PDB file of N, CA and C in Angstrom:
ATOM      1  N   MET A   1      41.282  16.097  17.984  1.00  0.00           N
ATOM      2  CA  MET A   1      39.854  16.247  17.974  1.00  0.00           C
ATOM      3  C   MET A   1      39.251  15.689  16.677  1.00  0.00           C
ATOM      4  N   LYS A   2      39.979  15.978  15.583  1.00  0.00           N
ATOM      5  CA  LYS A   2      39.473  15.509  14.234  1.00  0.00           C
ATOM      6  C   LYS A   2      39.513  14.005  14.207  1.00  0.00           C
ATOM      7  N   LYS A   3      40.534  13.384  14.770  1.00  0.00           N
ATOM      8  CA  LYS A   3      40.643  11.980  14.789  1.00  0.00           C
ATOM      9  C   LYS A   3      39.505  11.302  15.571  1.00  0.00           C
ATOM     10  N   LEU A   4      39.088  11.918  16.647  1.00  0.00           N
ATOM     11  CA  LEU A   4      37.962  11.395  17.473  1.00  0.00           C
ATOM     12  C   LEU A   4      36.640  11.490  16.760  1.00  0.00           C
ATOM     13  N   VAL A   5      36.426  12.611  16.032  1.00  0.00           N
ATOM     14  CA  VAL A   5      35.211  12.718  15.233  1.00  0.00           C
ATOM     15  C   VAL A   5      35.224  11.728  14.070  1.00  0.00           C
ATOM     16  N   GLY A   6      36.387  11.488  13.471  1.00  0.00           N
ATOM     17  CA  GLY A   6      36.505  10.527  12.369  1.00  0.00           C
ATOM     18  C   GLY A   6      36.209   9.064  12.864  1.00  0.00           C
ATOM     19  N   VAL A   7      36.767   8.753  14.004  1.00  0.00           N
ATOM     20  CA  VAL A   7      36.510   7.428  14.526  1.00  0.00           C
ATOM     21  C   VAL A   7      35.041   7.201  14.913  1.00  0.00           C
ATOM     22  N   LEU A   8      34.424   8.224  15.583  1.00  0.00           N
ATOM     23  CA  LEU A   8      33.006   8.154  15.936  1.00  0.00           C
ATOM     24  C   LEU A   8      32.184   8.058  14.686  1.00  0.00           C
ATOM     25  N   LEU A   9      32.510   8.789  13.628  1.00  0.00           N
ATOM     26  CA  LEU A   9      31.752   8.741  12.366  1.00  0.00           C
ATOM     27  C   LEU A   9      31.930   7.268  11.736  1.00  0.00           C
ATOM     28  N   ALA A  10      33.052   6.756  11.748  1.00  0.00           N
ATOM     29  CA  ALA A  10      33.263   5.419  11.186  1.00  0.00           C
ATOM     30  C   ALA A  10      32.517   4.382  11.976  1.00  0.00           C
ATOM     31  N   VAL A  11      32.481   4.480  13.349  1.00  0.00           N
ATOM     32  CA  VAL A  11      31.706   3.579  14.167  1.00  0.00           C
ATOM     33  C   VAL A  11      30.222   3.679  13.777  1.00  0.00           C
ATOM     34  N   LEU A  12      29.697   4.919  13.663  1.00  0.00           N
ATOM     35  CA  LEU A  12      28.340   5.119  13.319  1.00  0.00           C
ATOM     36  C   LEU A  12      27.961   4.463  11.963  1.00  0.00           C
ATOM     37  N   VAL A  13      28.843   4.654  10.997  1.00  0.00           N
ATOM     38  CA  VAL A  13      28.579   4.109   9.697  1.00  0.00           C
ATOM     39  C   VAL A  13      28.548   2.602   9.726  1.00  0.00           C
ATOM     40  N   ILE A  14      29.503   1.994  10.480  1.00  0.00           N
ATOM     41  CA  ILE A  14      29.500   0.554  10.618  1.00  0.00           C
ATOM     42  C   ILE A  14      28.289   0.017  11.293  1.00  0.00           C
ATOM     43  N   TYR A  15      27.844   0.715  12.351  1.00  0.00           N
ATOM     44  CA  TYR A  15      26.681   0.310  13.035  1.00  0.00           C
ATOM     45  C   TYR A  15      25.484   0.383  12.094  1.00  0.00           C
ATOM     46  N   VAL A  16      25.297   1.457  11.362  1.00  0.00           N
ATOM     47  CA  VAL A  16      24.157   1.622  10.473  1.00  0.00           C
ATOM     48  C   VAL A  16      24.164   0.487   9.444  1.00  0.00           C
ATOM     49  N   ILE A  17      25.265   0.210   8.913  1.00  0.00           N
ATOM     50  CA  ILE A  17      25.397  -0.919   7.905  1.00  0.00           C
ATOM     51  C   ILE A  17      25.003  -2.245   8.598  1.00  0.00           C
ATOM     52  N   TYR A  18      25.527  -2.548   9.759  1.00  0.00           N
ATOM     53  CA  TYR A  18      25.217  -3.731  10.482  1.00  0.00           C
ATOM     54  C   TYR A  18      23.705  -3.805  10.727  1.00  0.00           C
ATOM     55  N   PHE A  19      23.088  -2.744  11.248  1.00  0.00           N
ATOM     56  CA  PHE A  19      21.635  -2.754  11.533  1.00  0.00           C
ATOM     57  C   PHE A  19      20.845  -2.960  10.298  1.00  0.00           C
ATOM     58  N   ASP A  20      21.248  -2.339   9.136  1.00  0.00           N
ATOM     59  CA  ASP A  20      20.448  -2.561   7.909  1.00  0.00           C
ATOM     60  C   ASP A  20      20.555  -3.947   7.412  1.00  0.00           C
ATOM     61  N   LEU A  21      21.740  -4.606   7.590  1.00  0.00           N
ATOM     62  CA  LEU A  21      21.863  -5.955   7.010  1.00  0.00           C
ATOM     63  C   LEU A  21      21.223  -7.021   7.971  1.00  0.00           C
ATOM     64  N   THR A  22      21.165  -6.775   9.237  1.00  0.00           N
ATOM     65  CA  THR A  22      20.583  -7.755  10.156  1.00  0.00           C
ATOM     66  C   THR A  22      19.109  -7.545  10.478  1.00  0.00           C
ATOM     67  N   VAL A  23      18.723  -6.364  10.745  1.00  0.00           N
ATOM     68  CA  VAL A  23      17.346  -6.064  11.070  1.00  0.00           C
ATOM     69  C   VAL A  23      16.591  -5.576   9.845  1.00  0.00           C
ATOM     70  N   GLY A  24      17.242  -4.602   9.167  1.00  0.00           N
ATOM     71  CA  GLY A  24      16.624  -4.065   7.940  1.00  0.00           C
ATOM     72  C   GLY A  24      15.738  -2.911   8.288  1.00  0.00           C
ATOM     73  N   THR A  25      15.466  -2.125   7.261  1.00  0.00           N
ATOM     74  CA  THR A  25      14.593  -0.957   7.464  1.00  0.00           C
ATOM     75  C   THR A  25      13.331  -1.161   6.592  1.00  0.00           C
ATOM     76  N   LEU A  26      13.219  -2.131   5.704  1.00  0.00           N
ATOM     77  CA  LEU A  26      12.097  -2.405   4.871  1.00  0.00           C
ATOM     78  C   LEU A  26      11.328  -3.529   5.464  1.00  0.00           C
ATOM     79  N   PRO A  27      10.019  -3.529   5.265  1.00  0.00           N
ATOM     80  CA  PRO A  27       9.200  -4.631   5.796  1.00  0.00           C
ATOM     81  C   PRO A  27       9.596  -5.962   5.124  1.00  0.00           C
ATOM     82  N   SER A  28       9.561  -7.051   5.853  1.00  0.00           N
ATOM     83  CA  SER A  28       9.960  -8.342   5.306  1.00  0.00           C
ATOM     84  C   SER A  28       8.899  -8.818   4.381  1.00  0.00           C
ATOM     85  N   SER A  29       9.159  -9.844   3.560  1.00  0.00           N
ATOM     86  CA  SER A  29       8.205 -10.372   2.669  1.00  0.00           C
ATOM     87  C   SER A  29       7.084 -11.008   3.360  1.00  0.00           C
ATOM     88  N   ALA A  30       7.332 -11.521   4.587  1.00  0.00           N
ATOM     89  CA  ALA A  30       6.251 -12.193   5.402  1.00  0.00           C
ATOM     90  C   ALA A  30       5.178 -11.171   5.784  1.00  0.00           C
ATOM     91  N   VAL A  31       5.584  -9.963   6.037  1.00  0.00           N
ATOM     92  CA  VAL A  31       4.651  -8.941   6.421  1.00  0.00           C
ATOM     93  C   VAL A  31       3.829  -8.567   5.206  1.00  0.00           C
ATOM     94  N   SER A  32       4.416  -8.478   4.021  1.00  0.00           N
ATOM     95  CA  SER A  32       3.774  -8.184   2.805  1.00  0.00           C
ATOM     96  C   SER A  32       2.735  -9.242   2.446  1.00  0.00           C
ATOM     97  N   HIS A  33       3.065 -10.499   2.587  1.00  0.00           N
ATOM     98  CA  HIS A  33       2.122 -11.564   2.335  1.00  0.00           C
ATOM     99  C   HIS A  33       1.005 -11.595   3.319  1.00  0.00           C
ATOM    100  N   ALA A  34       1.281 -11.233   4.565  1.00  0.00           N
ATOM    101  CA  ALA A  34       0.152 -11.188   5.529  1.00  0.00           C
ATOM    102  C   ALA A  34      -0.777 -10.094   5.231  1.00  0.00           C
ATOM    103  N   ALA A  35      -0.205  -8.940   4.782  1.00  0.00           N
ATOM    104  CA  ALA A  35      -1.099  -7.832   4.373  1.00  0.00           C
ATOM    105  C   ALA A  35      -1.955  -8.208   3.164  1.00  0.00           C
ATOM    106  N   GLU A  36      -1.346  -8.948   2.254  1.00  0.00           N
ATOM    107  CA  GLU A  36      -2.031  -9.347   1.009  1.00  0.00           C
ATOM    108  C   GLU A  36      -3.152 -10.325   1.384  1.00  0.00           C
ATOM    109  N   ASP A  37      -2.840 -11.318   2.222  1.00  0.00           N
ATOM    110  CA  ASP A  37      -3.855 -12.313   2.649  1.00  0.00           C
ATOM    111  C   ASP A  37      -5.005 -11.575   3.359  1.00  0.00           C
ATOM    112  N   LYS A  38      -4.674 -10.574   4.102  1.00  0.00           N
ATOM    113  CA  LYS A  38      -5.741  -9.835   4.855  1.00  0.00           C
ATOM    114  C   LYS A  38      -6.663  -9.138   3.843  1.00  0.00           C
ATOM    115  N   THR A  39      -6.121  -8.582   2.786  1.00  0.00           N
ATOM    116  CA  THR A  39      -6.975  -7.860   1.852  1.00  0.00           C
ATOM    117  C   THR A  39      -7.790  -8.805   0.985  1.00  0.00           C
ATOM    118  N   MET A  40      -7.394 -10.079   0.959  1.00  0.00           N
ATOM    119  CA  MET A  40      -8.123 -11.002   0.086  1.00  0.00           C
ATOM    120  C   MET A  40      -9.373 -11.538   0.709  1.00  0.00           C
ATOM    121  N   GLN A  41      -9.693 -11.213   1.943  1.00  0.00           N
ATOM    122  CA  GLN A  41     -10.914 -11.660   2.580  1.00  0.00           C
ATOM    123  C   GLN A  41     -12.077 -10.989   1.928  1.00  0.00           C
ATOM    124  N   LYS A  42     -13.264 -11.611   1.942  1.00  0.00           N
ATOM    125  CA  LYS A  42     -14.435 -11.023   1.368  1.00  0.00           C
ATOM    126  C   LYS A  42     -14.935  -9.871   2.280  1.00  0.00           C
ATOM    127  N   PRO A  43     -15.215  -8.728   1.742  1.00  0.00           N
ATOM    128  CA  PRO A  43     -15.656  -7.577   2.521  1.00  0.00           C
ATOM    129  C   PRO A  43     -17.095  -7.898   3.025  1.00  0.00           C
ATOM    130  N   GLN A  44     -17.429  -7.317   4.171  1.00  0.00           N
ATOM    131  CA  GLN A  44     -18.725  -7.464   4.825  1.00  0.00           C
ATOM    132  C   GLN A  44     -19.611  -6.300   4.396  1.00  0.00           C
ATOM    133  N   THR A  45     -19.893  -6.190   3.123  1.00  0.00           N
ATOM    134  CA  THR A  45     -20.717  -5.111   2.615  1.00  0.00           C
ATOM    135  C   THR A  45     -21.564  -5.564   1.428  1.00  0.00           C
ATOM    136  N   ASP A  46     -22.545  -4.719   1.040  1.00  0.00           N
ATOM    137  CA  ASP A  46     -23.433  -5.051  -0.074  1.00  0.00           C
ATOM    138  C   ASP A  46     -23.040  -4.242  -1.316  1.00  0.00           C
ATOM    139  N   ARG A  47     -21.917  -3.556  -1.206  1.00  0.00           N
ATOM    140  CA  ARG A  47     -21.468  -2.731  -2.367  1.00  0.00           C
ATOM    141  C   ARG A  47     -20.895  -3.661  -3.429  1.00  0.00           C
ATOM    142  N   ALA A  48     -21.093  -3.322  -4.677  1.00  0.00           N
ATOM    143  CA  ALA A  48     -20.496  -4.095  -5.778  1.00  0.00           C
ATOM    144  C   ALA A  48     -19.023  -3.689  -5.787  1.00  0.00           C
ATOM    145  N   TYR A  49     -18.191  -4.699  -6.050  1.00  0.00           N
ATOM    146  CA  TYR A  49     -16.737  -4.434  -6.089  1.00  0.00           C
ATOM    147  C   TYR A  49     -16.038  -5.406  -7.030  1.00  0.00           C
ATOM    148  N   PHE A  50     -14.807  -5.063  -7.354  1.00  0.00           N
ATOM    149  CA  PHE A  50     -13.979  -5.932  -8.140  1.00  0.00           C
ATOM    150  C   PHE A  50     -12.600  -5.976  -7.447  1.00  0.00           C
ATOM    151  N   ASP A  51     -11.839  -7.033  -7.699  1.00  0.00           N
ATOM    152  CA  ASP A  51     -10.506  -7.167  -7.195  1.00  0.00           C
ATOM    153  C   ASP A  51      -9.487  -6.791  -8.275  1.00  0.00           C
ATOM    154  N   SER A  52      -8.432  -6.164  -7.838  1.00  0.00           N
ATOM    155  CA  SER A  52      -7.444  -5.749  -8.804  1.00  0.00           C
ATOM    156  C   SER A  52      -6.060  -5.744  -8.102  1.00  0.00           C
ATOM    157  N   LYS A  53      -5.030  -6.154  -8.774  1.00  0.00           N
ATOM    158  CA  LYS A  53      -3.696  -6.098  -8.224  1.00  0.00           C
ATOM    159  C   LYS A  53      -3.046  -4.733  -8.624  1.00  0.00           C
ATOM    160  N   VAL A  54      -2.449  -4.072  -7.731  1.00  0.00           N
ATOM    161  CA  VAL A  54      -1.908  -2.766  -7.900  1.00  0.00           C
ATOM    162  C   VAL A  54      -0.521  -2.877  -8.608  1.00  0.00           C
ATOM    163  N   GLU A  55      -0.417  -2.145  -9.777  1.00  0.00           N
ATOM    164  CA  GLU A  55       0.798  -2.102 -10.509  1.00  0.00           C
ATOM    165  C   GLU A  55       1.521  -0.757 -10.240  1.00  0.00           C
ATOM    166  N   PRO A  56       2.839  -0.673 -10.596  1.00  0.00           N
ATOM    167  CA  PRO A  56       3.550   0.573 -10.353  1.00  0.00           C
ATOM    168  C   PRO A  56       2.868   1.719 -11.099  1.00  0.00           C
ATOM    169  N   GLY A  57       2.713   2.849 -10.373  1.00  0.00           N
ATOM    170  CA  GLY A  57       2.153   4.054 -10.944  1.00  0.00           C
ATOM    171  C   GLY A  57       0.674   4.163 -10.858  1.00  0.00           C
ATOM    172  N   GLN A  58      -0.024   3.103 -10.327  1.00  0.00           N
ATOM    173  CA  GLN A  58      -1.474   3.135 -10.306  1.00  0.00           C
ATOM    174  C   GLN A  58      -1.954   3.743  -8.962  1.00  0.00           C
ATOM    175  N   THR A  59      -3.081   4.356  -9.031  1.00  0.00           N
ATOM    176  CA  THR A  59      -3.751   4.883  -7.808  1.00  0.00           C
ATOM    177  C   THR A  59      -5.171   4.301  -7.756  1.00  0.00           C
ATOM    178  N   VAL A  60      -5.815   4.446  -6.665  1.00  0.00           N
ATOM    179  CA  VAL A  60      -7.236   3.933  -6.558  1.00  0.00           C
ATOM    180  C   VAL A  60      -8.074   4.581  -7.677  1.00  0.00           C
ATOM    181  N   ILE A  61      -7.901   5.870  -7.934  1.00  0.00           N
ATOM    182  CA  ILE A  61      -8.687   6.572  -8.946  1.00  0.00           C
ATOM    183  C   ILE A  61      -8.382   5.994 -10.328  1.00  0.00           C
ATOM    184  N   SER A  62      -7.100   5.787 -10.629  1.00  0.00           N
ATOM    185  CA  SER A  62      -6.763   5.327 -11.989  1.00  0.00           C
ATOM    186  C   SER A  62      -7.261   3.876 -12.156  1.00  0.00           C
ATOM    187  N   ILE A  63      -7.230   3.041 -11.151  1.00  0.00           N
ATOM    188  CA  ILE A  63      -7.685   1.678 -11.274  1.00  0.00           C
ATOM    189  C   ILE A  63      -9.151   1.648 -11.519  1.00  0.00           C
ATOM    190  N   VAL A  64      -9.938   2.456 -10.770  1.00  0.00           N
ATOM    191  CA  VAL A  64     -11.418   2.441 -10.881  1.00  0.00           C
ATOM    192  C   VAL A  64     -11.752   3.036 -12.274  1.00  0.00           C
ATOM    193  N   GLU A  65     -11.141   4.101 -12.668  1.00  0.00           N
ATOM    194  CA  GLU A  65     -11.394   4.739 -13.976  1.00  0.00           C
ATOM    195  C   GLU A  65     -11.059   3.776 -15.155  1.00  0.00           C
ATOM    196  N   HIS A  66      -9.949   2.981 -14.996  1.00  0.00           N
ATOM    197  CA  HIS A  66      -9.573   2.042 -16.013  1.00  0.00           C
ATOM    198  C   HIS A  66     -10.635   0.934 -16.102  1.00  0.00           C
ATOM    199  N   GLN A  67     -11.170   0.474 -15.004  1.00  0.00           N
ATOM    200  CA  GLN A  67     -12.177  -0.545 -14.997  1.00  0.00           C
ATOM    201  C   GLN A  67     -13.483  -0.048 -15.661  1.00  0.00           C
ATOM    202  N   LEU A  68     -13.775   1.207 -15.360  1.00  0.00           N
ATOM    203  CA  LEU A  68     -15.011   1.786 -15.942  1.00  0.00           C
ATOM    204  C   LEU A  68     -14.851   2.150 -17.417  1.00  0.00           C
ATOM    205  N   GLY A  69     -13.659   2.500 -17.820  1.00  0.00           N
ATOM    206  CA  GLY A  69     -13.464   3.046 -19.195  1.00  0.00           C
ATOM    207  C   GLY A  69     -13.870   4.444 -19.422  1.00  0.00           C
ATOM    208  N   LYS A  70     -14.136   5.159 -18.289  1.00  0.00           N
ATOM    209  CA  LYS A  70     -14.507   6.591 -18.342  1.00  0.00           C
ATOM    210  C   LYS A  70     -14.146   7.232 -17.004  1.00  0.00           C
ATOM    211  N   SER A  71     -14.454   8.504 -16.926  1.00  0.00           N
ATOM    212  CA  SER A  71     -14.120   9.207 -15.668  1.00  0.00           C
ATOM    213  C   SER A  71     -15.039   8.732 -14.563  1.00  0.00           C
ATOM    214  N   LEU A  72     -14.645   9.116 -13.326  1.00  0.00           N
ATOM    215  CA  LEU A  72     -15.323   8.714 -12.101  1.00  0.00           C
ATOM    216  C   LEU A  72     -16.764   9.317 -12.097  1.00  0.00           C
ATOM    217  N   PRO A  73     -17.801   8.438 -11.853  1.00  0.00           N
ATOM    218  CA  PRO A  73     -19.159   8.978 -11.773  1.00  0.00           C
ATOM    219  C   PRO A  73     -19.542   9.489 -10.432  1.00  0.00           C
ATOM    220  N   VAL A  74     -18.705   9.340  -9.379  1.00  0.00           N
ATOM    221  CA  VAL A  74     -18.922   9.798  -8.033  1.00  0.00           C
ATOM    222  C   VAL A  74     -17.798  10.749  -7.646  1.00  0.00           C
ATOM    223  N   SER A  75     -17.983  11.344  -6.496  1.00  0.00           N
ATOM    224  CA  SER A  75     -16.901  12.234  -5.971  1.00  0.00           C
ATOM    225  C   SER A  75     -15.751  11.419  -5.430  1.00  0.00           C
ATOM    226  N   ILE A  76     -14.650  12.103  -5.308  1.00  0.00           N
ATOM    227  CA  ILE A  76     -13.408  11.398  -4.838  1.00  0.00           C
ATOM    228  C   ILE A  76     -13.654  11.016  -3.353  1.00  0.00           C
ATOM    229  N   THR A  77     -14.355  11.836  -2.623  1.00  0.00           N
ATOM    230  CA  THR A  77     -14.616  11.532  -1.229  1.00  0.00           C
ATOM    231  C   THR A  77     -15.464  10.228  -1.109  1.00  0.00           C
ATOM    232  N   ASP A  78     -16.468  10.072  -1.971  1.00  0.00           N
ATOM    233  CA  ASP A  78     -17.253   8.829  -1.948  1.00  0.00           C
ATOM    234  C   ASP A  78     -16.393   7.636  -2.361  1.00  0.00           C
ATOM    235  N   LEU A  79     -15.475   7.799  -3.286  1.00  0.00           N
ATOM    236  CA  LEU A  79     -14.697   6.712  -3.678  1.00  0.00           C
ATOM    237  C   LEU A  79     -13.725   6.338  -2.514  1.00  0.00           C
ATOM    238  N   ILE A  80     -13.181   7.241  -1.811  1.00  0.00           N
ATOM    239  CA  ILE A  80     -12.305   6.979  -0.649  1.00  0.00           C
ATOM    240  C   ILE A  80     -13.066   6.278   0.399  1.00  0.00           C
ATOM    241  N   ASN A  81     -14.255   6.747   0.721  1.00  0.00           N
ATOM    242  CA  ASN A  81     -15.086   6.109   1.742  1.00  0.00           C
ATOM    243  C   ASN A  81     -15.492   4.677   1.406  1.00  0.00           C
ATOM    244  N   ASP A  82     -15.827   4.471   0.119  1.00  0.00           N
ATOM    245  CA  ASP A  82     -16.188   3.041  -0.352  1.00  0.00           C
ATOM    246  C   ASP A  82     -14.986   2.184  -0.335  1.00  0.00           C
ATOM    247  N   PHE A  83     -13.810   2.714  -0.749  1.00  0.00           N
ATOM    248  CA  PHE A  83     -12.601   1.833  -0.725  1.00  0.00           C
ATOM    249  C   PHE A  83     -12.265   1.474   0.674  1.00  0.00           C
ATOM    250  N   LYS A  84     -12.364   2.436   1.635  1.00  0.00           N
ATOM    251  CA  LYS A  84     -12.120   2.094   3.005  1.00  0.00           C
ATOM    252  C   LYS A  84     -13.064   1.047   3.568  1.00  0.00           C
ATOM    253  N   ALA A  85     -14.357   1.151   3.141  1.00  0.00           N
ATOM    254  CA  ALA A  85     -15.330   0.157   3.633  1.00  0.00           C
ATOM    255  C   ALA A  85     -15.080  -1.183   3.123  1.00  0.00           C
ATOM    256  N   LEU A  86     -14.588  -1.282   1.893  1.00  0.00           N
ATOM    257  CA  LEU A  86     -14.265  -2.619   1.336  1.00  0.00           C
ATOM    258  C   LEU A  86     -13.000  -3.203   1.785  1.00  0.00           C
ATOM    259  N   ASN A  87     -12.078  -2.421   2.344  1.00  0.00           N
ATOM    260  CA  ASN A  87     -10.755  -2.928   2.677  1.00  0.00           C
ATOM    261  C   ASN A  87     -10.442  -2.713   4.186  1.00  0.00           C
ATOM    262  N   GLU A  88     -11.411  -2.864   5.003  1.00  0.00           N
ATOM    263  CA  GLU A  88     -11.232  -2.768   6.471  1.00  0.00           C
ATOM    264  C   GLU A  88     -10.580  -1.557   6.929  1.00  0.00           C
ATOM    265  N   GLY A  89     -10.976  -0.364   6.370  1.00  0.00           N
ATOM    266  CA  GLY A  89     -10.500   0.900   6.828  1.00  0.00           C
ATOM    267  C   GLY A  89      -9.121   1.320   6.250  1.00  0.00           C
ATOM    268  N   LEU A  90      -8.597   0.525   5.301  1.00  0.00           N
ATOM    269  CA  LEU A  90      -7.282   0.903   4.803  1.00  0.00           C
ATOM    270  C   LEU A  90      -7.398   2.168   3.887  1.00  0.00           C
ATOM    271  N   SER A  91      -6.518   3.112   4.158  1.00  0.00           N
ATOM    272  CA  SER A  91      -6.495   4.405   3.447  1.00  0.00           C
ATOM    273  C   SER A  91      -5.934   4.207   2.067  1.00  0.00           C
ATOM    274  N   PRO A  92      -6.501   4.807   1.037  1.00  0.00           N
ATOM    275  CA  PRO A  92      -6.035   4.687  -0.352  1.00  0.00           C
ATOM    276  C   PRO A  92      -4.530   5.015  -0.545  1.00  0.00           C
ATOM    277  N   GLU A  93      -4.038   5.921   0.341  1.00  0.00           N
ATOM    278  CA  GLU A  93      -2.641   6.327   0.249  1.00  0.00           C
ATOM    279  C   GLU A  93      -1.727   5.177   0.663  1.00  0.00           C
ATOM    280  N   LYS A  94      -2.219   4.175   1.354  1.00  0.00           N
ATOM    281  CA  LYS A  94      -1.334   3.087   1.897  1.00  0.00           C
ATOM    282  C   LYS A  94      -1.363   1.839   1.023  1.00  0.00           C
ATOM    283  N   ILE A  95      -1.910   1.869  -0.192  1.00  0.00           N
ATOM    284  CA  ILE A  95      -1.903   0.649  -1.006  1.00  0.00           C
ATOM    285  C   ILE A  95      -0.454   0.333  -1.400  1.00  0.00           C
ATOM    286  N   GLN A  96      -0.183  -0.944  -1.609  1.00  0.00           N
ATOM    287  CA  GLN A  96       1.195  -1.342  -1.935  1.00  0.00           C
ATOM    288  C   GLN A  96       1.191  -2.028  -3.291  1.00  0.00           C
ATOM    289  N   ILE A  97       2.217  -1.781  -4.077  1.00  0.00           N
ATOM    290  CA  ILE A  97       2.460  -2.355  -5.331  1.00  0.00           C
ATOM    291  C   ILE A  97       2.508  -3.875  -5.139  1.00  0.00           C
ATOM    292  N   GLY A  98       1.787  -4.633  -6.028  1.00  0.00           N
ATOM    293  CA  GLY A  98       1.853  -6.062  -6.017  1.00  0.00           C
ATOM    294  C   GLY A  98       0.790  -6.698  -5.133  1.00  0.00           C
ATOM    295  N   SER A  99       0.045  -5.888  -4.336  1.00  0.00           N
ATOM    296  CA  SER A  99      -0.961  -6.377  -3.464  1.00  0.00           C
ATOM    297  C   SER A  99      -2.328  -6.247  -4.164  1.00  0.00           C
ATOM    298  N   THR A 100      -3.246  -7.154  -3.818  1.00  0.00           N
ATOM    299  CA  THR A 100      -4.621  -7.111  -4.437  1.00  0.00           C
ATOM    300  C   THR A 100      -5.587  -6.522  -3.407  1.00  0.00           C
ATOM    301  N   TYR A 101      -6.430  -5.681  -3.881  1.00  0.00           N
ATOM    302  CA  TYR A 101      -7.401  -5.022  -3.046  1.00  0.00           C
ATOM    303  C   TYR A 101      -8.813  -5.056  -3.684  1.00  0.00           C
ATOM    304  N   HIS A 102      -9.817  -4.772  -2.901  1.00  0.00           N
ATOM    305  CA  HIS A 102     -11.188  -4.624  -3.368  1.00  0.00           C
ATOM    306  C   HIS A 102     -11.445  -3.162  -3.767  1.00  0.00           C
ATOM    307  N   PHE A 103     -11.987  -2.955  -4.931  1.00  0.00           N
ATOM    308  CA  PHE A 103     -12.260  -1.638  -5.463  1.00  0.00           C
ATOM    309  C   PHE A 103     -13.747  -1.537  -5.686  1.00  0.00           C
ATOM    310  N   PRO A 104     -14.386  -0.346  -5.410  1.00  0.00           N
ATOM    311  CA  PRO A 104     -15.808  -0.266  -5.686  1.00  0.00           C
ATOM    312  C   PRO A 104     -16.074  -0.223  -7.153  1.00  0.00           C
ATOM    313  N   ASP A 105     -17.149  -0.926  -7.525  1.00  0.00           N
ATOM    314  CA  ASP A 105     -17.536  -1.028  -8.950  1.00  0.00           C
ATOM    315  C   ASP A 105     -18.746  -0.099  -9.197  1.00  0.00           C
ATOM    316  N   TYR A 106     -18.515   0.912  -9.893  1.00  0.00           N
ATOM    317  CA  TYR A 106     -19.591   1.923 -10.225  1.00  0.00           C
ATOM    318  C   TYR A 106     -20.182   1.745 -11.579  1.00  0.00           C
ATOM    319  N   SER A 107     -19.916   0.614 -12.237  1.00  0.00           N
ATOM    320  CA  SER A 107     -20.445   0.340 -13.566  1.00  0.00           C
ATOM    321  C   SER A 107     -21.968   0.036 -13.614  1.00  0.00           C
ATOM    322  N   LYS A 108     -22.511  -0.235 -12.483  1.00  0.00           N
ATOM    323  CA  LYS A 108     -23.910  -0.635 -12.399  1.00  0.00           C
ATOM    324  C   LYS A 108     -24.835   0.522 -11.936  1.00  0.00           C
TER     325      LYS A 108
END
């Protein structure tokens, strides 16, 4: 019985390695570029905005505060709603490192 479990476990490990190498579990670079191209379109809104590339460790709040040089002048809910409006409904939690997005500009 132990030999059967060992063989089944070895087959499972080999299959998982094969699947990971052929299909993969991470999105391909083509998908990332398509998402980046999609976010580079001009938003259909009258809100003031700026474009910024997301670096590791940054959040929507930190990017906007860095641009302003001070704390947020609006509520976080307003920031989230404005970000979604500028980026075709994209949730702030789903931003990806290395991609460029439109961020609301509250400096005016």
